[in-house]
């Protein structure tokens, strides 16, 4: 029973973070770690890397079909999705795409 409650609370905490303000979530797996994008440059926003082995329900809920996948959310609404595809690697311009969408989001808030 304790384990179920802890998992539920942890899952709730992850979901709550995705729904607040601007969030960048990287969906990945251990076997594609070398293809992950460093999220350090986005430290001013909610950032998180989730792994398939530990978050299968979230991957299913968010309909993640390719690894790695980066999703940009604004107040819980998906704004941008960039998928690794068959190559199992993100496009070279992934950071620039995210930055561009964040700039548009921030401009639209004023």
N, C-alpha and C. Protein backbone atom coordinates (compact mmCIF):
# COMPACT_ATOMS: atom_id res chain seq x y z
N UNK A 1 0.82 -1.20 0.00
CA UNK A 1 0.00 0.00 0.00
C UNK A 1 0.86 1.26 0.00
N UNK A 2 1.93 1.29 0.83
CA UNK A 2 2.80 2.46 0.86
C UNK A 2 3.43 2.72 -0.50
N UNK A 3 3.85 1.66 -1.15
CA UNK A 3 4.49 1.79 -2.46
C UNK A 3 3.54 2.41 -3.48
N UNK A 4 2.31 1.99 -3.49
CA UNK A 4 1.31 2.52 -4.42
C UNK A 4 1.08 4.00 -4.16
N UNK A 5 0.99 4.39 -2.92
CA UNK A 5 0.77 5.80 -2.57
C UNK A 5 1.96 6.64 -2.97
N UNK A 6 3.17 6.15 -2.72
CA UNK A 6 4.36 6.90 -3.08
C UNK A 6 4.44 7.08 -4.59
N UNK A 7 4.19 6.03 -5.36
CA UNK A 7 4.22 6.12 -6.82
C UNK A 7 3.16 7.10 -7.30
N UNK A 8 1.96 7.05 -6.72
CA UNK A 8 0.89 7.96 -7.11
C UNK A 8 1.29 9.41 -6.83
N UNK A 9 1.83 9.68 -5.67
CA UNK A 9 2.23 11.04 -5.31
C UNK A 9 3.35 11.54 -6.21
N UNK A 10 4.31 10.67 -6.52
CA UNK A 10 5.42 11.04 -7.38
C UNK A 10 4.91 11.35 -8.79
N UNK A 11 4.01 10.51 -9.31
CA UNK A 11 3.43 10.74 -10.63
C UNK A 11 2.63 12.04 -10.63
N UNK A 12 1.90 12.30 -9.57
CA UNK A 12 1.13 13.53 -9.45
C UNK A 12 2.06 14.74 -9.46
N UNK A 13 3.19 14.65 -8.77
CA UNK A 13 4.14 15.76 -8.71
C UNK A 13 4.71 16.05 -10.10
N UNK A 14 5.03 15.03 -10.87
CA UNK A 14 5.55 15.21 -12.23
C UNK A 14 4.49 15.87 -13.10
N UNK A 15 3.27 15.36 -13.04
CA UNK A 15 2.19 15.92 -13.85
C UNK A 15 1.92 17.36 -13.45
N UNK A 16 1.95 17.68 -12.16
CA UNK A 16 1.71 19.04 -11.71
C UNK A 16 2.78 19.99 -12.24
N UNK A 17 4.03 19.54 -12.27
CA UNK A 17 5.10 20.39 -12.77
C UNK A 17 4.91 20.69 -14.25
N UNK A 18 4.46 19.74 -15.02
CA UNK A 18 4.24 19.93 -16.45
C UNK A 18 3.16 20.98 -16.68
N UNK A 19 2.23 21.10 -15.79
CA UNK A 19 1.08 21.98 -16.00
C UNK A 19 1.31 23.41 -15.54
N UNK A 20 2.46 23.72 -14.96
CA UNK A 20 2.72 25.06 -14.47
C UNK A 20 3.64 25.83 -15.40
N UNK A 21 3.18 26.99 -15.89
CA UNK A 21 3.99 27.90 -16.67
C UNK A 21 4.59 27.22 -17.90
N UNK A 22 5.84 27.54 -18.22
CA UNK A 22 6.52 26.95 -19.38
C UNK A 22 7.35 25.76 -18.90
N UNK A 23 7.12 24.63 -19.51
CA UNK A 23 7.84 23.41 -19.14
C UNK A 23 8.40 22.73 -20.38
N UNK A 24 9.59 22.17 -20.22
CA UNK A 24 10.22 21.40 -21.28
C UNK A 24 10.48 20.01 -20.70
N UNK A 25 9.86 19.02 -21.31
CA UNK A 25 10.01 17.66 -20.82
C UNK A 25 10.66 16.83 -21.92
N UNK A 26 11.71 16.14 -21.54
CA UNK A 26 12.40 15.24 -22.45
C UNK A 26 12.02 13.81 -22.06
N UNK A 27 11.42 13.11 -23.00
CA UNK A 27 11.03 11.72 -22.79
C UNK A 27 12.13 10.87 -23.42
N UNK A 28 12.71 9.99 -22.63
CA UNK A 28 13.86 9.25 -23.11
C UNK A 28 13.89 7.84 -22.55
N UNK A 29 14.98 7.15 -22.80
CA UNK A 29 15.23 5.81 -22.27
C UNK A 29 16.74 5.67 -22.12
N UNK A 30 17.13 4.74 -21.29
CA UNK A 30 18.55 4.55 -21.02
C UNK A 30 19.35 4.27 -22.29
N UNK A 31 18.75 3.57 -23.24
CA UNK A 31 19.50 3.18 -24.44
C UNK A 31 19.68 4.32 -25.45
N UNK A 32 19.06 5.48 -25.21
CA UNK A 32 19.27 6.64 -26.09
C UNK A 32 19.82 7.84 -25.33
N UNK A 33 20.39 7.59 -24.15
CA UNK A 33 20.93 8.69 -23.34
C UNK A 33 21.91 9.57 -24.10
N UNK A 34 22.71 8.97 -24.95
CA UNK A 34 23.72 9.74 -25.69
C UNK A 34 23.07 10.70 -26.69
N UNK A 35 21.80 10.50 -27.01
CA UNK A 35 21.09 11.36 -27.96
C UNK A 35 20.25 12.44 -27.27
N UNK A 36 20.27 12.47 -25.95
CA UNK A 36 19.46 13.45 -25.23
C UNK A 36 19.99 14.87 -25.43
N UNK A 37 19.10 15.81 -25.32
CA UNK A 37 19.45 17.22 -25.38
C UNK A 37 19.74 17.71 -23.97
N UNK A 38 20.81 18.45 -23.80
CA UNK A 38 21.08 19.06 -22.50
C UNK A 38 20.05 20.18 -22.29
N UNK A 39 19.36 20.13 -21.18
CA UNK A 39 18.33 21.13 -20.88
C UNK A 39 18.87 22.27 -20.01
N UNK A 40 20.16 22.31 -19.78
CA UNK A 40 20.77 23.32 -18.92
C UNK A 40 20.48 24.74 -19.41
N UNK A 41 20.49 24.95 -20.71
CA UNK A 41 20.24 26.30 -21.23
C UNK A 41 18.80 26.77 -20.99
N UNK A 42 17.94 25.86 -20.57
CA UNK A 42 16.53 26.21 -20.30
C UNK A 42 16.23 26.20 -18.80
N UNK A 43 17.25 26.45 -17.99
CA UNK A 43 17.11 26.36 -16.53
C UNK A 43 16.11 27.35 -15.94
N UNK A 44 15.73 28.38 -16.69
CA UNK A 44 14.75 29.36 -16.19
C UNK A 44 13.31 28.83 -16.26
N UNK A 45 13.15 27.65 -16.84
CA UNK A 45 11.83 27.04 -17.00
C UNK A 45 11.79 25.70 -16.28
N UNK A 46 10.60 25.14 -16.17
CA UNK A 46 10.48 23.80 -15.60
C UNK A 46 11.05 22.82 -16.62
N UNK A 47 12.09 22.11 -16.25
CA UNK A 47 12.67 21.12 -17.14
C UNK A 47 12.74 19.78 -16.44
N UNK A 48 12.57 18.74 -17.21
CA UNK A 48 12.60 17.41 -16.64
C UNK A 48 12.87 16.39 -17.73
N UNK A 49 13.66 15.38 -17.39
CA UNK A 49 13.88 14.25 -18.28
C UNK A 49 13.25 13.04 -17.63
N UNK A 50 12.33 12.42 -18.34
CA UNK A 50 11.64 11.23 -17.83
C UNK A 50 12.09 10.02 -18.63
N UNK A 51 12.26 8.90 -17.93
CA UNK A 51 12.71 7.67 -18.58
C UNK A 51 11.58 6.66 -18.65
N UNK A 52 11.50 6.01 -19.79
CA UNK A 52 10.46 5.02 -20.06
C UNK A 52 10.38 3.95 -18.99
N UNK A 53 11.52 3.47 -18.53
CA UNK A 53 11.53 2.38 -17.56
C UNK A 53 10.89 2.76 -16.23
N UNK A 54 10.84 4.05 -15.92
CA UNK A 54 10.30 4.50 -14.64
C UNK A 54 8.97 5.24 -14.76
N UNK A 55 8.56 5.57 -15.97
CA UNK A 55 7.37 6.42 -16.16
C UNK A 55 6.47 5.93 -17.28
N UNK A 56 6.25 4.64 -17.38
CA UNK A 56 5.49 4.09 -18.50
C UNK A 56 4.09 4.68 -18.63
N UNK A 57 3.43 4.92 -17.52
CA UNK A 57 2.07 5.46 -17.59
C UNK A 57 2.05 6.87 -18.18
N UNK A 58 3.02 7.67 -17.83
CA UNK A 58 3.09 9.03 -18.36
C UNK A 58 3.39 8.99 -19.86
N UNK A 59 4.30 8.10 -20.28
CA UNK A 59 4.62 7.96 -21.70
C UNK A 59 3.36 7.58 -22.48
N UNK A 60 2.59 6.67 -21.93
CA UNK A 60 1.35 6.25 -22.59
C UNK A 60 0.35 7.40 -22.65
N UNK A 61 0.17 8.09 -21.54
CA UNK A 61 -0.78 9.20 -21.46
C UNK A 61 -0.41 10.31 -22.45
N UNK A 62 0.88 10.59 -22.57
CA UNK A 62 1.35 11.66 -23.45
C UNK A 62 1.57 11.19 -24.89
N UNK A 63 1.28 9.90 -25.16
CA UNK A 63 1.38 9.32 -26.51
C UNK A 63 2.79 9.49 -27.10
N UNK A 64 3.78 9.12 -26.30
CA UNK A 64 5.17 9.17 -26.75
C UNK A 64 5.44 7.90 -27.55
N UNK A 65 5.79 8.06 -28.81
CA UNK A 65 6.03 6.89 -29.66
C UNK A 65 7.46 6.83 -30.19
N UNK A 66 8.22 7.88 -30.00
CA UNK A 66 9.59 7.93 -30.51
C UNK A 66 10.51 8.45 -29.41
N UNK A 67 11.72 7.93 -29.38
CA UNK A 67 12.68 8.36 -28.36
C UNK A 67 13.95 8.88 -29.03
N UNK A 68 14.55 9.90 -28.47
CA UNK A 68 13.95 10.78 -27.47
C UNK A 68 12.90 11.69 -28.09
N UNK A 69 12.05 12.22 -27.25
CA UNK A 69 11.04 13.20 -27.65
C UNK A 69 11.10 14.36 -26.67
N UNK A 70 11.05 15.57 -27.19
CA UNK A 70 11.00 16.77 -26.36
C UNK A 70 9.64 17.42 -26.57
N UNK A 71 8.99 17.77 -25.47
CA UNK A 71 7.70 18.45 -25.56
C UNK A 71 7.79 19.75 -24.77
N UNK A 72 7.37 20.82 -25.41
CA UNK A 72 7.28 22.13 -24.78
C UNK A 72 5.82 22.35 -24.42
N UNK A 73 5.59 22.64 -23.12
CA UNK A 73 4.23 22.89 -22.63
C UNK A 73 4.14 24.33 -22.14
N UNK A 74 2.97 24.90 -22.29
CA UNK A 74 2.67 26.19 -21.69
C UNK A 74 1.39 26.01 -20.88
N UNK A 75 1.51 26.10 -19.57
CA UNK A 75 0.39 25.89 -18.66
C UNK A 75 -0.35 24.58 -18.95
N UNK A 76 0.43 23.54 -19.24
CA UNK A 76 -0.13 22.20 -19.46
C UNK A 76 -0.55 21.91 -20.88
N UNK A 77 -0.55 22.92 -21.74
CA UNK A 77 -0.93 22.72 -23.14
C UNK A 77 0.32 22.46 -23.97
N UNK A 78 0.28 21.39 -24.76
CA UNK A 78 1.42 21.09 -25.61
C UNK A 78 1.52 22.13 -26.72
N UNK A 79 2.71 22.73 -26.82
CA UNK A 79 2.96 23.78 -27.81
C UNK A 79 3.83 23.25 -28.95
N UNK A 80 4.81 22.42 -28.61
CA UNK A 80 5.77 21.93 -29.59
C UNK A 80 6.21 20.53 -29.20
N UNK A 81 6.29 19.66 -30.18
CA UNK A 81 6.80 18.28 -29.97
C UNK A 81 7.86 18.02 -31.03
N UNK A 82 9.04 17.60 -30.55
CA UNK A 82 10.14 17.25 -31.45
C UNK A 82 10.53 15.81 -31.12
N UNK A 83 10.43 14.95 -32.13
CA UNK A 83 10.67 13.52 -31.93
C UNK A 83 11.96 13.07 -32.60
N UNK A 84 12.59 12.07 -31.98
CA UNK A 84 13.83 11.52 -32.52
C UNK A 84 13.63 10.71 -33.78
N UNK A 85 12.50 10.07 -33.91
CA UNK A 85 12.22 9.28 -35.10
C UNK A 85 13.07 8.03 -35.21
N UNK A 86 13.17 7.54 -36.43
CA UNK A 86 13.87 6.29 -36.69
C UNK A 86 15.36 6.37 -36.34
N UNK A 87 15.94 7.55 -36.44
CA UNK A 87 17.37 7.72 -36.17
C UNK A 87 17.69 7.68 -34.68
N UNK A 88 16.66 7.74 -33.83
CA UNK A 88 16.82 7.78 -32.36
C UNK A 88 17.69 8.95 -31.92
N UNK A 89 17.62 10.05 -32.66
CA UNK A 89 18.32 11.26 -32.26
C UNK A 89 17.50 12.48 -32.68
N UNK A 90 17.59 13.51 -31.88
CA UNK A 90 16.84 14.74 -32.14
C UNK A 90 17.52 15.54 -33.25
N UNK A 91 16.76 16.34 -33.99
CA UNK A 91 17.36 17.18 -35.02
C UNK A 91 18.38 18.15 -34.42
N UNK A 92 19.35 18.55 -35.20
CA UNK A 92 20.41 19.45 -34.71
C UNK A 92 19.87 20.80 -34.24
N UNK A 93 18.79 21.26 -34.83
CA UNK A 93 18.24 22.57 -34.48
C UNK A 93 17.17 22.51 -33.38
N UNK A 94 17.14 21.46 -32.61
CA UNK A 94 16.11 21.30 -31.57
C UNK A 94 16.10 22.46 -30.59
N UNK A 95 17.27 22.83 -30.07
CA UNK A 95 17.34 23.94 -29.11
C UNK A 95 16.81 25.23 -29.71
N UNK A 96 17.16 25.50 -30.96
CA UNK A 96 16.70 26.72 -31.62
C UNK A 96 15.18 26.72 -31.81
N UNK A 97 14.62 25.56 -32.14
CA UNK A 97 13.17 25.46 -32.28
C UNK A 97 12.47 25.76 -30.96
N UNK A 98 13.01 25.21 -29.88
CA UNK A 98 12.43 25.43 -28.56
C UNK A 98 12.54 26.90 -28.17
N UNK A 99 13.73 27.48 -28.36
CA UNK A 99 13.93 28.90 -28.04
C UNK A 99 12.97 29.79 -28.80
N UNK A 100 12.78 29.51 -30.09
CA UNK A 100 11.88 30.31 -30.92
C UNK A 100 10.45 30.25 -30.38
N UNK A 101 9.98 29.05 -30.02
CA UNK A 101 8.62 28.90 -29.49
C UNK A 101 8.47 29.59 -28.14
N UNK A 102 9.49 29.50 -27.30
CA UNK A 102 9.44 30.18 -26.00
C UNK A 102 9.36 31.69 -26.20
N UNK A 103 10.15 32.23 -27.13
CA UNK A 103 10.09 33.66 -27.43
C UNK A 103 8.68 34.08 -27.86
N UNK A 104 8.07 33.27 -28.72
CA UNK A 104 6.71 33.57 -29.17
C UNK A 104 5.72 33.52 -28.01
N UNK A 105 5.89 32.52 -27.14
CA UNK A 105 5.02 32.40 -25.96
C UNK A 105 5.15 33.63 -25.06
N UNK A 106 6.37 34.02 -24.80
CA UNK A 106 6.60 35.16 -23.90
C UNK A 106 6.06 36.45 -24.49
N UNK A 107 6.23 36.63 -25.79
CA UNK A 107 5.70 37.84 -26.45
C UNK A 107 4.18 37.87 -26.41
N UNK A 108 3.54 36.71 -26.52
CA UNK A 108 2.08 36.66 -26.53
C UNK A 108 1.47 36.90 -25.15
N UNK A 109 2.27 36.82 -24.12
CA UNK A 109 1.77 37.03 -22.76
C UNK A 109 1.67 38.50 -22.39
N UNK A 110 2.24 39.37 -23.20
CA UNK A 110 2.20 40.78 -22.86
C UNK A 110 1.24 41.55 -23.71
